[in-house]
């Protein structure tokens, strides 16, 4: 994160949205307006323990006096969400990034379907607010184990009322696979001019891609909040840095990003899981070993870009626009 991207904020409100999810309202320390954002955007929180974590903005994009994020306390936390839940409180200050959006809402779509799995509802909540603001029809399906695990349900139901063209369906399966939402029926019921957005666990996104395989690729939008893919850490290959002509060796067990950071080479990064898209890097020569959850299948086949935080090289050398 460059100095220009850094914003100092204060936590002015914290609310429990479900048993494991807490929202935080952030305002600028100097009282100024925050940078504008669009529905689906996220920001990075720079935590005092040295970690950087990305969270979607849940509030309306018209609100530039505040940012609202929601954090689920991950049972397998690597120190991010656990630290936030245990330590972050009203009155604390934080450094955050300016908003970025890799999950943009197509506002001109005639119809929009939003599919949320658990905490994956957060960017879709902002989208529902924007679709209401511009008077577009939308249908949100919210999937969770139980109502206690589902944040913002009352807020979503309010958004779908009062003359809105929105509709919300809540699906709580209590862990029973037989009660899970059938995504094939969701696609079958949608008008032909629909755009679909899905955010949730990787299993849900895999089902989403399978159910929507016959739809035009440009109508399918998805965002991961974590990756189950194994990173490419075989190492033993060279990376040529085109901007300087320097060649570096990626050792077994390391990623390209690890190697560059160890050498004090300044490159953008955030999630380090191949999810957020921040470390997207142009490939000038060589074949990447793609392990990310960000690029589409067609983008991976083109081999023009890669995520250096988790992807590797299929040959002995790769040249990057670094």
C-alpha atoms as a PDB file:
ATOM      1  CA  UNK A   1       0.000   0.000   0.000  1.00  0.00           C
ATOM      2  CA  UNK A   2       1.475   3.331  -1.033  1.00  0.00           C
ATOM      3  CA  UNK A   3       1.392   6.380   1.230  1.00  0.00           C
ATOM      4  CA  UNK A   4      -1.196   7.923  -1.088  1.00  0.00           C
ATOM      5  CA  UNK A   5      -3.511   4.965  -0.504  1.00  0.00           C
ATOM      6  CA  UNK A   6      -3.303   5.158   3.297  1.00  0.00           C
ATOM      7  CA  UNK A   7      -6.200   6.687   5.230  1.00  0.00           C
ATOM      8  CA  UNK A   8      -6.323   7.163   8.992  1.00  0.00           C
ATOM      9  CA  UNK A   9      -9.742   6.389  10.445  1.00  0.00           C
ATOM     10  CA  UNK A  10     -11.446   6.002  13.801  1.00  0.00           C
ATOM     11  CA  UNK A  11     -13.869   3.268  14.834  1.00  0.00           C
ATOM     12  CA  UNK A  12     -17.078   5.053  15.873  1.00  0.00           C
ATOM     13  CA  UNK A  13     -19.480   2.122  16.098  1.00  0.00           C
ATOM     14  CA  UNK A  14     -19.347  -1.669  16.480  1.00  0.00           C
ATOM     15  CA  UNK A  15     -22.428  -3.902  16.261  1.00  0.00           C
ATOM     16  CA  UNK A  16     -22.930  -7.646  16.588  1.00  0.00           C
ATOM     17  CA  UNK A  17     -24.752  -8.688  13.417  1.00  0.00           C
ATOM     18  CA  UNK A  18     -24.883 -12.410  14.255  1.00  0.00           C
ATOM     19  CA  UNK A  19     -23.212 -14.833  16.646  1.00  0.00           C
ATOM     20  CA  UNK A  20     -19.880 -14.609  14.798  1.00  0.00           C
ATOM     21  CA  UNK A  21     -20.150 -11.408  12.753  1.00  0.00           C
ATOM     22  CA  UNK A  22     -19.481  -7.881  13.959  1.00  0.00           C
ATOM     23  CA  UNK A  23     -19.721  -4.710  11.888  1.00  0.00           C
ATOM     24  CA  UNK A  24     -17.484  -1.673  12.309  1.00  0.00           C
ATOM     25  CA  UNK A  25     -18.220   1.883  11.225  1.00  0.00           C
ATOM     26  CA  UNK A  26     -15.118   3.859  10.273  1.00  0.00           C
ATOM     27  CA  UNK A  27     -14.801   7.617   9.760  1.00  0.00           C
ATOM     28  CA  UNK A  28     -11.872   9.787   8.758  1.00  0.00           C
ATOM     29  CA  UNK A  29      -9.752  11.014  11.669  1.00  0.00           C
ATOM     30  CA  UNK A  30      -9.753  14.574  10.350  1.00  0.00           C
ATOM     31  CA  UNK A  31     -13.488  14.636   9.679  1.00  0.00           C
ATOM     32  CA  UNK A  32     -13.112  14.860   5.902  1.00  0.00           C
ATOM     33  CA  UNK A  33     -15.091  12.903   3.336  1.00  0.00           C
ATOM     34  CA  UNK A  34     -13.722   9.474   2.484  1.00  0.00           C
ATOM     35  CA  UNK A  35     -12.873   8.501  -1.116  1.00  0.00           C
ATOM     36  CA  UNK A  36     -15.906   7.518  -3.166  1.00  0.00           C
ATOM     37  CA  UNK A  37     -16.542   3.822  -3.853  1.00  0.00           C
ATOM     38  CA  UNK A  38     -18.905   1.642  -5.837  1.00  0.00           C
ATOM     39  CA  UNK A  39     -20.983  -1.317  -4.673  1.00  0.00           C
ATOM     40  CA  UNK A  40     -18.869  -4.471  -4.407  1.00  0.00           C
ATOM     41  CA  UNK A  41     -15.722  -2.596  -3.343  1.00  0.00           C
ATOM     42  CA  UNK A  42     -13.408  -3.582  -0.494  1.00  0.00           C
ATOM     43  CA  UNK A  43     -10.776  -1.927   1.666  1.00  0.00           C
ATOM     44  CA  UNK A  44      -7.699  -3.230   3.467  1.00  0.00           C
ATOM     45  CA  UNK A  45      -7.391  -2.912   7.219  1.00  0.00           C
ATOM     46  CA  UNK A  46      -3.791  -2.557   8.411  1.00  0.00           C
ATOM     47  CA  UNK A  47      -3.866  -4.203  11.831  1.00  0.00           C
ATOM     48  CA  UNK A  48      -1.495  -3.309  14.668  1.00  0.00           C
ATOM     49  CA  UNK A  49      -0.240  -6.914  14.721  1.00  0.00           C
ATOM     50  CA  UNK A  50       1.251  -6.382  11.251  1.00  0.00           C
ATOM     51  CA  UNK A  51      -1.426  -8.200   9.260  1.00  0.00           C
ATOM     52  CA  UNK A  52      -3.346  -6.689   6.359  1.00  0.00           C
ATOM     53  CA  UNK A  53      -6.845  -8.003   5.720  1.00  0.00           C
ATOM     54  CA  UNK A  54      -9.445  -7.121   3.061  1.00  0.00           C
ATOM     55  CA  UNK A  55     -13.118  -6.564   3.875  1.00  0.00           C
ATOM     56  CA  UNK A  56     -16.045  -5.584   1.660  1.00  0.00           C
ATOM     57  CA  UNK A  57     -17.914  -2.340   2.239  1.00  0.00           C
ATOM     58  CA  UNK A  58     -21.531  -2.984   3.194  1.00  0.00           C
ATOM     59  CA  UNK A  59     -22.951   0.526   3.230  1.00  0.00           C
ATOM     60  CA  UNK A  60     -24.463   2.534   0.390  1.00  0.00           C
ATOM     61  CA  UNK A  61     -22.016   3.918  -2.138  1.00  0.00           C
ATOM     62  CA  UNK A  62     -23.598   7.347  -1.666  1.00  0.00           C
ATOM     63  CA  UNK A  63     -22.200   7.448   1.885  1.00  0.00           C
ATOM     64  CA  UNK A  64     -18.737   8.953   1.725  1.00  0.00           C
ATOM     65  CA  UNK A  65     -18.796  10.154   5.331  1.00  0.00           C
ATOM     66  CA  UNK A  66     -18.198   6.581   6.539  1.00  0.00           C
ATOM     67  CA  UNK A  67     -17.167   3.074   5.601  1.00  0.00           C
ATOM     68  CA  UNK A  68     -18.852   0.037   7.158  1.00  0.00           C
ATOM     69  CA  UNK A  69     -17.221  -3.393   7.117  1.00  0.00           C
ATOM     70  CA  UNK A  70     -18.316  -6.665   8.690  1.00  0.00           C
ATOM     71  CA  UNK A  71     -15.897  -9.260  10.050  1.00  0.00           C
ATOM     72  CA  UNK A  72     -16.727 -12.914  10.717  1.00  0.00           C
ATOM     73  CA  UNK A  73     -14.646 -14.509  13.459  1.00  0.00           C
ATOM     74  CA  UNK A  74     -13.101 -17.346  11.464  1.00  0.00           C
ATOM     75  CA  UNK A  75     -12.662 -20.555  13.463  1.00  0.00           C
ATOM     76  CA  UNK A  76      -9.444 -21.109  11.490  1.00  0.00           C
ATOM     77  CA  UNK A  77      -8.263 -17.516  11.794  1.00  0.00           C
ATOM     78  CA  UNK A  78      -4.600 -16.869  11.048  1.00  0.00           C
ATOM     79  CA  UNK A  79      -4.636 -13.828  13.295  1.00  0.00           C
ATOM     80  CA  UNK A  80      -6.793 -11.384  11.350  1.00  0.00           C
ATOM     81  CA  UNK A  81     -10.461 -11.804  12.211  1.00  0.00           C
ATOM     82  CA  UNK A  82      -9.626 -13.209  15.650  1.00  0.00           C
ATOM     83  CA  UNK A  83      -7.522 -10.154  16.495  1.00  0.00           C
ATOM     84  CA  UNK A  84     -10.264  -7.805  15.296  1.00  0.00           C
ATOM     85  CA  UNK A  85     -12.975  -9.489  17.356  1.00  0.00           C
ATOM     86  CA  UNK A  86     -10.843  -9.622  20.480  1.00  0.00           C
ATOM     87  CA  UNK A  87      -9.219  -6.182  20.275  1.00  0.00           C
ATOM     88  CA  UNK A  88     -10.839  -3.653  17.946  1.00  0.00           C
ATOM     89  CA  UNK A  89     -13.290  -1.370  19.765  1.00  0.00           C
ATOM     90  CA  UNK A  90     -15.017   1.985  19.484  1.00  0.00           C
ATOM     91  CA  UNK A  91     -12.510   4.818  19.831  1.00  0.00           C
ATOM     92  CA  UNK A  92      -9.609   2.911  18.287  1.00  0.00           C
ATOM     93  CA  UNK A  93      -7.743   4.238  15.260  1.00  0.00           C
ATOM     94  CA  UNK A  94      -6.712   2.278  12.178  1.00  0.00           C
ATOM     95  CA  UNK A  95      -4.936   2.736   8.892  1.00  0.00           C
ATOM     96  CA  UNK A  96      -6.944   1.552   5.907  1.00  0.00           C
ATOM     97  CA  UNK A  97      -6.503   1.589   2.137  1.00  0.00           C
ATOM     98  CA  UNK A  98      -8.538   3.451  -0.415  1.00  0.00           C
ATOM     99  CA  UNK A  99     -11.375   1.324  -1.833  1.00  0.00           C
ATOM    100  CA  UNK A 100     -10.802  -1.052  -4.754  1.00  0.00           C
ATOM    101  CA  UNK A 101     -13.446  -2.932  -6.705  1.00  0.00           C
ATOM    102  CA  UNK A 102     -12.885  -6.274  -8.423  1.00  0.00           C
ATOM    103  CA  UNK A 103     -16.572  -7.223  -8.136  1.00  0.00           C
ATOM    104  CA  UNK A 104     -18.376  -4.431  -9.932  1.00  0.00           C
ATOM    105  CA  UNK A 105     -22.129  -4.207 -10.250  1.00  0.00           C
ATOM    106  CA  UNK A 106     -23.503  -3.915 -13.793  1.00  0.00           C
ATOM    107  CA  UNK A 107     -26.070  -1.213 -13.111  1.00  0.00           C
ATOM    108  CA  UNK A 108     -27.628  -1.392 -16.582  1.00  0.00           C
ATOM    109  CA  UNK A 109     -28.662  -5.050 -16.244  1.00  0.00           C
ATOM    110  CA  UNK A 110     -32.392  -5.560 -16.659  1.00  0.00           C
ATOM    111  CA  UNK A 111     -32.426  -8.022 -13.758  1.00  0.00           C
ATOM    112  CA  UNK A 112     -29.902  -8.983 -11.080  1.00  0.00           C
ATOM    113  CA  UNK A 113     -29.603 -12.146  -8.994  1.00  0.00           C
ATOM    114  CA  UNK A 114     -27.469 -11.989  -5.855  1.00  0.00           C
ATOM    115  CA  UNK A 115     -26.316 -15.257  -4.237  1.00  0.00           C
ATOM    116  CA  UNK A 116     -24.765 -15.011  -0.769  1.00  0.00           C
ATOM    117  CA  UNK A 117     -23.166 -17.693   1.388  1.00  0.00           C
ATOM    118  CA  UNK A 118     -22.723 -16.608   5.017  1.00  0.00           C
ATOM    119  CA  UNK A 119     -20.374 -13.637   5.376  1.00  0.00           C
ATOM    120  CA  UNK A 120     -20.325 -13.470   1.570  1.00  0.00           C
ATOM    121  CA  UNK A 121     -23.455 -11.337   1.876  1.00  0.00           C
ATOM    122  CA  UNK A 122     -21.389  -8.234   2.668  1.00  0.00           C
ATOM    123  CA  UNK A 123     -20.633  -6.942  -0.873  1.00  0.00           C
ATOM    124  CA  UNK A 124     -24.095  -8.034  -2.017  1.00  0.00           C
ATOM    125  CA  UNK A 125     -25.686  -5.925   0.705  1.00  0.00           C
ATOM    126  CA  UNK A 126     -24.081  -2.837  -0.800  1.00  0.00           C
ATOM    127  CA  UNK A 127     -25.246  -3.956  -4.255  1.00  0.00           C
ATOM    128  CA  UNK A 128     -28.841  -4.338  -3.048  1.00  0.00           C
ATOM    129  CA  UNK A 129     -28.709  -0.800  -1.644  1.00  0.00           C
ATOM    130  CA  UNK A 130     -27.466   0.571  -4.977  1.00  0.00           C
ATOM    131  CA  UNK A 131     -30.026  -1.351  -7.041  1.00  0.00           C
ATOM    132  CA  UNK A 132     -32.750   0.126  -4.841  1.00  0.00           C
ATOM    133  CA  UNK A 133     -31.262   3.598  -5.313  1.00  0.00           C
ATOM    134  CA  UNK A 134     -31.395   3.328  -9.128  1.00  0.00           C
ATOM    135  CA  UNK A 135     -34.745   1.499  -9.213  1.00  0.00           C
ATOM    136  CA  UNK A 136     -33.577  -1.822 -10.653  1.00  0.00           C
ATOM    137  CA  UNK A 137     -35.143  -5.235  -9.884  1.00  0.00           C
ATOM    138  CA  UNK A 138     -33.067  -7.736  -7.900  1.00  0.00           C
ATOM    139  CA  UNK A 139     -33.473 -11.102  -6.201  1.00  0.00           C
ATOM    140  CA  UNK A 140     -31.156 -12.116  -3.354  1.00  0.00           C
ATOM    141  CA  UNK A 141     -30.780 -15.695  -2.124  1.00  0.00           C
ATOM    142  CA  UNK A 142     -29.068 -15.927   1.269  1.00  0.00           C
ATOM    143  CA  UNK A 143     -27.674 -19.338   2.229  1.00  0.00           C
ATOM    144  CA  UNK A 144     -26.471 -20.145   5.763  1.00  0.00           C
ATOM    145  CA  UNK A 145     -26.507 -22.998   8.238  1.00  0.00           C
ATOM    146  CA  UNK A 146     -28.989 -21.255  10.523  1.00  0.00           C
ATOM    147  CA  UNK A 147     -30.505 -17.834  11.122  1.00  0.00           C
ATOM    148  CA  UNK A 148     -28.015 -17.306  13.970  1.00  0.00           C
ATOM    149  CA  UNK A 149     -25.196 -17.666  11.416  1.00  0.00           C
ATOM    150  CA  UNK A 150     -26.744 -15.187   8.978  1.00  0.00           C
ATOM    151  CA  UNK A 151     -25.861 -11.500   9.470  1.00  0.00           C
ATOM    152  CA  UNK A 152     -27.974  -8.602   8.197  1.00  0.00           C
ATOM    153  CA  UNK A 153     -31.141 -10.641   7.597  1.00  0.00           C
ATOM    154  CA  UNK A 154     -33.433  -7.975   9.049  1.00  0.00           C
ATOM    155  CA  UNK A 155     -31.678  -5.266   7.058  1.00  0.00           C
ATOM    156  CA  UNK A 156     -32.059  -7.259   3.838  1.00  0.00           C
ATOM    157  CA  UNK A 157     -35.745  -7.840   4.472  1.00  0.00           C
ATOM    158  CA  UNK A 158     -36.197  -4.092   5.010  1.00  0.00           C
ATOM    159  CA  UNK A 159     -34.383  -3.372   1.744  1.00  0.00           C
ATOM    160  CA  UNK A 160     -36.749  -5.683  -0.129  1.00  0.00           C
ATOM    161  CA  UNK A 161     -39.828  -3.920   1.270  1.00  0.00           C
ATOM    162  CA  UNK A 162     -41.291  -0.427   1.099  1.00  0.00           C
ATOM    163  CA  UNK A 163     -41.910  -0.371  -2.633  1.00  0.00           C
ATOM    164  CA  UNK A 164     -38.541  -1.844  -3.579  1.00  0.00           C
ATOM    165  CA  UNK A 165     -38.229  -4.052  -6.659  1.00  0.00           C
ATOM    166  CA  UNK A 166     -36.061  -6.384  -4.594  1.00  0.00           C
ATOM    167  CA  UNK A 167     -36.847  -9.811  -3.235  1.00  0.00           C
ATOM    168  CA  UNK A 168     -35.022 -11.799  -0.536  1.00  0.00           C
ATOM    169  CA  UNK A 169     -35.132 -15.568   0.057  1.00  0.00           C
ATOM    170  CA  UNK A 170     -33.464 -17.013   3.154  1.00  0.00           C
ATOM    171  CA  UNK A 171     -32.250 -20.623   3.037  1.00  0.00           C
ATOM    172  CA  UNK A 172     -31.080 -22.275   6.271  1.00  0.00           C
ATOM    173  CA  UNK A 173     -30.078 -25.893   5.740  1.00  0.00           C
ATOM    174  CA  UNK A 174     -28.959 -26.756   9.320  1.00  0.00           C
ATOM    175  CA  UNK A 175     -26.061 -28.683   7.764  1.00  0.00           C
ATOM    176  CA  UNK A 176     -28.327 -31.042   5.797  1.00  0.00           C
ATOM    177  CA  UNK A 177     -27.117 -31.340   2.168  1.00  0.00           C
ATOM    178  CA  UNK A 178     -30.618 -32.318   1.076  1.00  0.00           C
ATOM    179  CA  UNK A 179     -31.924 -28.913   2.178  1.00  0.00           C
ATOM    180  CA  UNK A 180     -29.335 -26.828   0.313  1.00  0.00           C
ATOM    181  CA  UNK A 181     -30.427 -24.300  -2.269  1.00  0.00           C
ATOM    182  CA  UNK A 182     -30.538 -25.813  -5.757  1.00  0.00           C
ATOM    183  CA  UNK A 183     -28.631 -23.314  -7.866  1.00  0.00           C
ATOM    184  CA  UNK A 184     -29.787 -24.931 -11.098  1.00  0.00           C
ATOM    185  CA  UNK A 185     -33.353 -23.899 -10.278  1.00  0.00           C
ATOM    186  CA  UNK A 186     -32.170 -20.350  -9.564  1.00  0.00           C
ATOM    187  CA  UNK A 187     -30.652 -20.059 -13.038  1.00  0.00           C
ATOM    188  CA  UNK A 188     -33.650 -21.730 -14.663  1.00  0.00           C
ATOM    189  CA  UNK A 189     -36.038 -19.216 -13.086  1.00  0.00           C
ATOM    190  CA  UNK A 190     -34.051 -16.127 -14.104  1.00  0.00           C
ATOM    191  CA  UNK A 191     -34.913 -13.985 -17.152  1.00  0.00           C
ATOM    192  CA  UNK A 192     -32.516 -14.264 -20.076  1.00  0.00           C
ATOM    193  CA  UNK A 193     -31.077 -10.763 -19.509  1.00  0.00           C
ATOM    194  CA  UNK A 194     -30.006 -11.437 -15.896  1.00  0.00           C
ATOM    195  CA  UNK A 195     -26.592 -10.773 -14.360  1.00  0.00           C
ATOM    196  CA  UNK A 196     -25.622 -13.098 -11.488  1.00  0.00           C
ATOM    197  CA  UNK A 197     -23.363 -12.296  -8.521  1.00  0.00           C
ATOM    198  CA  UNK A 198     -22.137 -14.887  -6.054  1.00  0.00           C
ATOM    199  CA  UNK A 199     -19.945 -14.511  -2.968  1.00  0.00           C
ATOM    200  CA  UNK A 200     -19.404 -17.335  -0.525  1.00  0.00           C
ATOM    201  CA  UNK A 201     -17.262 -20.359   0.271  1.00  0.00           C
ATOM    202  CA  UNK A 202     -15.412 -22.060  -2.562  1.00  0.00           C
ATOM    203  CA  UNK A 203     -17.827 -25.018  -2.633  1.00  0.00           C
ATOM    204  CA  UNK A 204     -20.733 -22.661  -3.285  1.00  0.00           C
ATOM    205  CA  UNK A 205     -18.830 -20.813  -5.991  1.00  0.00           C
ATOM    206  CA  UNK A 206     -17.953 -24.100  -7.700  1.00  0.00           C
ATOM    207  CA  UNK A 207     -21.654 -24.990  -7.734  1.00  0.00           C
ATOM    208  CA  UNK A 208     -22.457 -21.524  -9.051  1.00  0.00           C
ATOM    209  CA  UNK A 209     -20.034 -21.938 -11.953  1.00  0.00           C
ATOM    210  CA  UNK A 210     -21.405 -25.380 -12.786  1.00  0.00           C
ATOM    211  CA  UNK A 211     -25.031 -24.204 -12.650  1.00  0.00           C
ATOM    212  CA  UNK A 212     -24.271 -21.183 -14.817  1.00  0.00           C
ATOM    213  CA  UNK A 213     -22.021 -22.880 -17.385  1.00  0.00           C
ATOM    214  CA  UNK A 214     -24.515 -22.320 -20.210  1.00  0.00           C
ATOM    215  CA  UNK A 215     -24.863 -18.602 -19.510  1.00  0.00           C
ATOM    216  CA  UNK A 216     -22.640 -15.967 -21.166  1.00  0.00           C
ATOM    217  CA  UNK A 217     -19.435 -15.567 -19.173  1.00  0.00           C
ATOM    218  CA  UNK A 218     -19.866 -11.791 -18.893  1.00  0.00           C
ATOM    219  CA  UNK A 219     -23.120 -12.271 -16.933  1.00  0.00           C
ATOM    220  CA  UNK A 220     -21.473 -14.370 -14.204  1.00  0.00           C
ATOM    221  CA  UNK A 221     -19.669 -12.482 -11.432  1.00  0.00           C
ATOM    222  CA  UNK A 222     -18.119 -14.111  -8.391  1.00  0.00           C
ATOM    223  CA  UNK A 223     -15.904 -13.208  -5.485  1.00  0.00           C
ATOM    224  CA  UNK A 224     -14.112 -15.519  -3.078  1.00  0.00           C
ATOM    225  CA  UNK A 225     -13.510 -14.562   0.540  1.00  0.00           C
ATOM    226  CA  UNK A 226     -10.925 -17.297   0.966  1.00  0.00           C
ATOM    227  CA  UNK A 227      -9.079 -19.900  -1.067  1.00  0.00           C
ATOM    228  CA  UNK A 228      -8.967 -23.675  -0.705  1.00  0.00           C
ATOM    229  CA  UNK A 229      -6.414 -24.033  -3.490  1.00  0.00           C
ATOM    230  CA  UNK A 230      -2.889 -25.133  -2.677  1.00  0.00           C
ATOM    231  CA  UNK A 231      -0.352 -22.428  -3.574  1.00  0.00           C
ATOM    232  CA  UNK A 232       2.431 -23.208  -6.022  1.00  0.00           C
ATOM    233  CA  UNK A 233       5.501 -23.594  -3.810  1.00  0.00           C
ATOM    234  CA  UNK A 234       7.591 -26.074  -5.793  1.00  0.00           C
ATOM    235  CA  UNK A 235      10.080 -23.297  -6.519  1.00  0.00           C
ATOM    236  CA  UNK A 236      13.353 -23.903  -8.278  1.00  0.00           C
ATOM    237  CA  UNK A 237      12.595 -21.533 -11.164  1.00  0.00           C
ATOM    238  CA  UNK A 238      13.832 -18.108 -12.183  1.00  0.00           C
ATOM    239  CA  UNK A 239      11.851 -14.891 -12.455  1.00  0.00           C
ATOM    240  CA  UNK A 240      13.131 -12.232 -14.837  1.00  0.00           C
ATOM    241  CA  UNK A 241      12.079  -8.732 -13.763  1.00  0.00           C
ATOM    242  CA  UNK A 242      11.613  -6.933 -17.082  1.00  0.00           C
ATOM    243  CA  UNK A 243      11.784  -3.373 -15.792  1.00  0.00           C
ATOM    244  CA  UNK A 244      15.285  -3.805 -14.371  1.00  0.00           C
ATOM    245  CA  UNK A 245      16.564  -6.906 -16.210  1.00  0.00           C
ATOM    246  CA  UNK A 246      17.256  -8.543 -12.855  1.00  0.00           C
ATOM    247  CA  UNK A 247      16.847 -12.311 -12.464  1.00  0.00           C
ATOM    248  CA  UNK A 248      15.843 -13.810  -9.113  1.00  0.00           C
ATOM    249  CA  UNK A 249      15.444 -17.423  -8.021  1.00  0.00           C
ATOM    250  CA  UNK A 250      12.288 -18.639  -6.300  1.00  0.00           C
ATOM    251  CA  UNK A 251      13.265 -21.304  -3.782  1.00  0.00           C
ATOM    252  CA  UNK A 252      11.104 -24.360  -2.966  1.00  0.00           C
ATOM    253  CA  UNK A 253       8.525 -23.445  -0.349  1.00  0.00           C
ATOM    254  CA  UNK A 254       8.428 -19.779  -1.362  1.00  0.00           C
ATOM    255  CA  UNK A 255       6.053 -17.872  -3.598  1.00  0.00           C
ATOM    256  CA  UNK A 256       7.127 -15.292  -6.157  1.00  0.00           C
ATOM    257  CA  UNK A 257       5.698 -12.613  -3.878  1.00  0.00           C
ATOM    258  CA  UNK A 258       7.679 -13.933  -0.885  1.00  0.00           C
ATOM    259  CA  UNK A 259      10.856 -13.795  -2.933  1.00  0.00           C
ATOM    260  CA  UNK A 260      10.317 -10.240  -4.146  1.00  0.00           C
ATOM    261  CA  UNK A 261       9.398  -8.940  -0.697  1.00  0.00           C
ATOM    262  CA  UNK A 262      12.470 -10.612   0.843  1.00  0.00           C
ATOM    263  CA  UNK A 263      14.562  -8.719  -1.709  1.00  0.00           C
ATOM    264  CA  UNK A 264      12.834  -5.425  -0.754  1.00  0.00           C
ATOM    265  CA  UNK A 265      11.237  -5.162  -4.185  1.00  0.00           C
ATOM    266  CA  UNK A 266       8.084  -3.083  -3.863  1.00  0.00           C
ATOM    267  CA  UNK A 267       5.058  -4.810  -5.422  1.00  0.00           C
ATOM    268  CA  UNK A 268       1.363  -4.457  -4.512  1.00  0.00           C
ATOM    269  CA  UNK A 269      -0.303  -7.219  -2.505  1.00  0.00           C
ATOM    270  CA  UNK A 270      -3.042  -7.743   0.048  1.00  0.00           C
ATOM    271  CA  UNK A 271      -4.758 -11.091   0.757  1.00  0.00           C
ATOM    272  CA  UNK A 272      -1.794 -13.350  -0.197  1.00  0.00           C
ATOM    273  CA  UNK A 273      -4.316 -16.071  -1.139  1.00  0.00           C
ATOM    274  CA  UNK A 274      -5.027 -15.301  -4.802  1.00  0.00           C
ATOM    275  CA  UNK A 275      -8.459 -13.903  -4.036  1.00  0.00           C
ATOM    276  CA  UNK A 276      -8.345 -10.110  -4.023  1.00  0.00           C
ATOM    277  CA  UNK A 277      -6.521  -9.408  -7.305  1.00  0.00           C
ATOM    278  CA  UNK A 278      -4.181  -6.819  -5.839  1.00  0.00           C
ATOM    279  CA  UNK A 279      -0.971  -8.589  -6.938  1.00  0.00           C
ATOM    280  CA  UNK A 280      -2.122  -9.062 -10.548  1.00  0.00           C
ATOM    281  CA  UNK A 281       1.053  -8.990 -12.666  1.00  0.00           C
ATOM    282  CA  UNK A 282       1.559  -9.017 -16.437  1.00  0.00           C
ATOM    283  CA  UNK A 283       3.376 -12.059 -17.841  1.00  0.00           C
ATOM    284  CA  UNK A 284       5.754 -11.239 -20.707  1.00  0.00           C
ATOM    285  CA  UNK A 285       7.255 -14.697 -21.259  1.00  0.00           C
ATOM    286  CA  UNK A 286       6.870 -18.164 -19.781  1.00  0.00           C
ATOM    287  CA  UNK A 287       3.874 -20.199 -18.576  1.00  0.00           C
ATOM    288  CA  UNK A 288       2.296 -19.540 -15.182  1.00  0.00           C
ATOM    289  CA  UNK A 289       1.087 -22.307 -12.885  1.00  0.00           C
ATOM    290  CA  UNK A 290      -2.187 -20.638 -11.942  1.00  0.00           C
ATOM    291  CA  UNK A 291      -3.444 -21.342  -8.404  1.00  0.00           C
ATOM    292  CA  UNK A 292      -5.622 -18.278  -7.796  1.00  0.00           C
ATOM    293  CA  UNK A 293      -9.364 -17.923  -7.392  1.00  0.00           C
ATOM    294  CA  UNK A 294      -9.516 -14.523  -9.090  1.00  0.00           C
ATOM    295  CA  UNK A 295      -8.877 -14.978 -12.810  1.00  0.00           C
ATOM    296  CA  UNK A 296     -11.498 -16.481 -15.087  1.00  0.00           C
ATOM    297  CA  UNK A 297     -10.723 -19.740 -16.876  1.00  0.00           C
ATOM    298  CA  UNK A 298     -10.324 -17.897 -20.180  1.00  0.00           C
ATOM    299  CA  UNK A 299      -7.883 -15.442 -18.580  1.00  0.00           C
ATOM    300  CA  UNK A 300      -5.851 -18.329 -17.193  1.00  0.00           C
ATOM    301  CA  UNK A 301      -5.687 -19.969 -20.616  1.00  0.00           C
ATOM    302  CA  UNK A 302      -4.399 -16.729 -22.159  1.00  0.00           C
ATOM    303  CA  UNK A 303      -1.483 -16.667 -19.640  1.00  0.00           C
ATOM    304  CA  UNK A 304      -1.129 -12.908 -20.003  1.00  0.00           C
ATOM    305  CA  UNK A 305      -1.397 -12.155 -16.278  1.00  0.00           C
ATOM    306  CA  UNK A 306      -0.934 -14.033 -13.008  1.00  0.00           C
ATOM    307  CA  UNK A 307      -1.265 -13.695  -9.235  1.00  0.00           C
ATOM    308  CA  UNK A 308       2.262 -13.761  -7.863  1.00  0.00           C
ATOM    309  CA  UNK A 309       1.147 -14.404  -4.273  1.00  0.00           C
ATOM    310  CA  UNK A 310       0.125 -18.010  -4.964  1.00  0.00           C
ATOM    311  CA  UNK A 311       0.855 -18.950  -8.593  1.00  0.00           C
ATOM    312  CA  UNK A 312       4.150 -20.290  -9.890  1.00  0.00           C
ATOM    313  CA  UNK A 313       5.871 -21.267 -13.114  1.00  0.00           C
ATOM    314  CA  UNK A 314       5.476 -24.434 -15.197  1.00  0.00           C
ATOM    315  CA  UNK A 315       8.914 -24.116 -16.747  1.00  0.00           C
ATOM    316  CA  UNK A 316      12.363 -23.046 -15.657  1.00  0.00           C
ATOM    317  CA  UNK A 317      11.810 -19.314 -16.131  1.00  0.00           C
ATOM    318  CA  UNK A 318       9.105 -16.684 -16.313  1.00  0.00           C
ATOM    319  CA  UNK A 319       9.407 -12.996 -17.231  1.00  0.00           C
ATOM    320  CA  UNK A 320       7.176 -10.524 -15.418  1.00  0.00           C
ATOM    321  CA  UNK A 321       6.403  -6.860 -15.923  1.00  0.00           C
ATOM    322  CA  UNK A 322       8.020  -5.891 -12.609  1.00  0.00           C
END
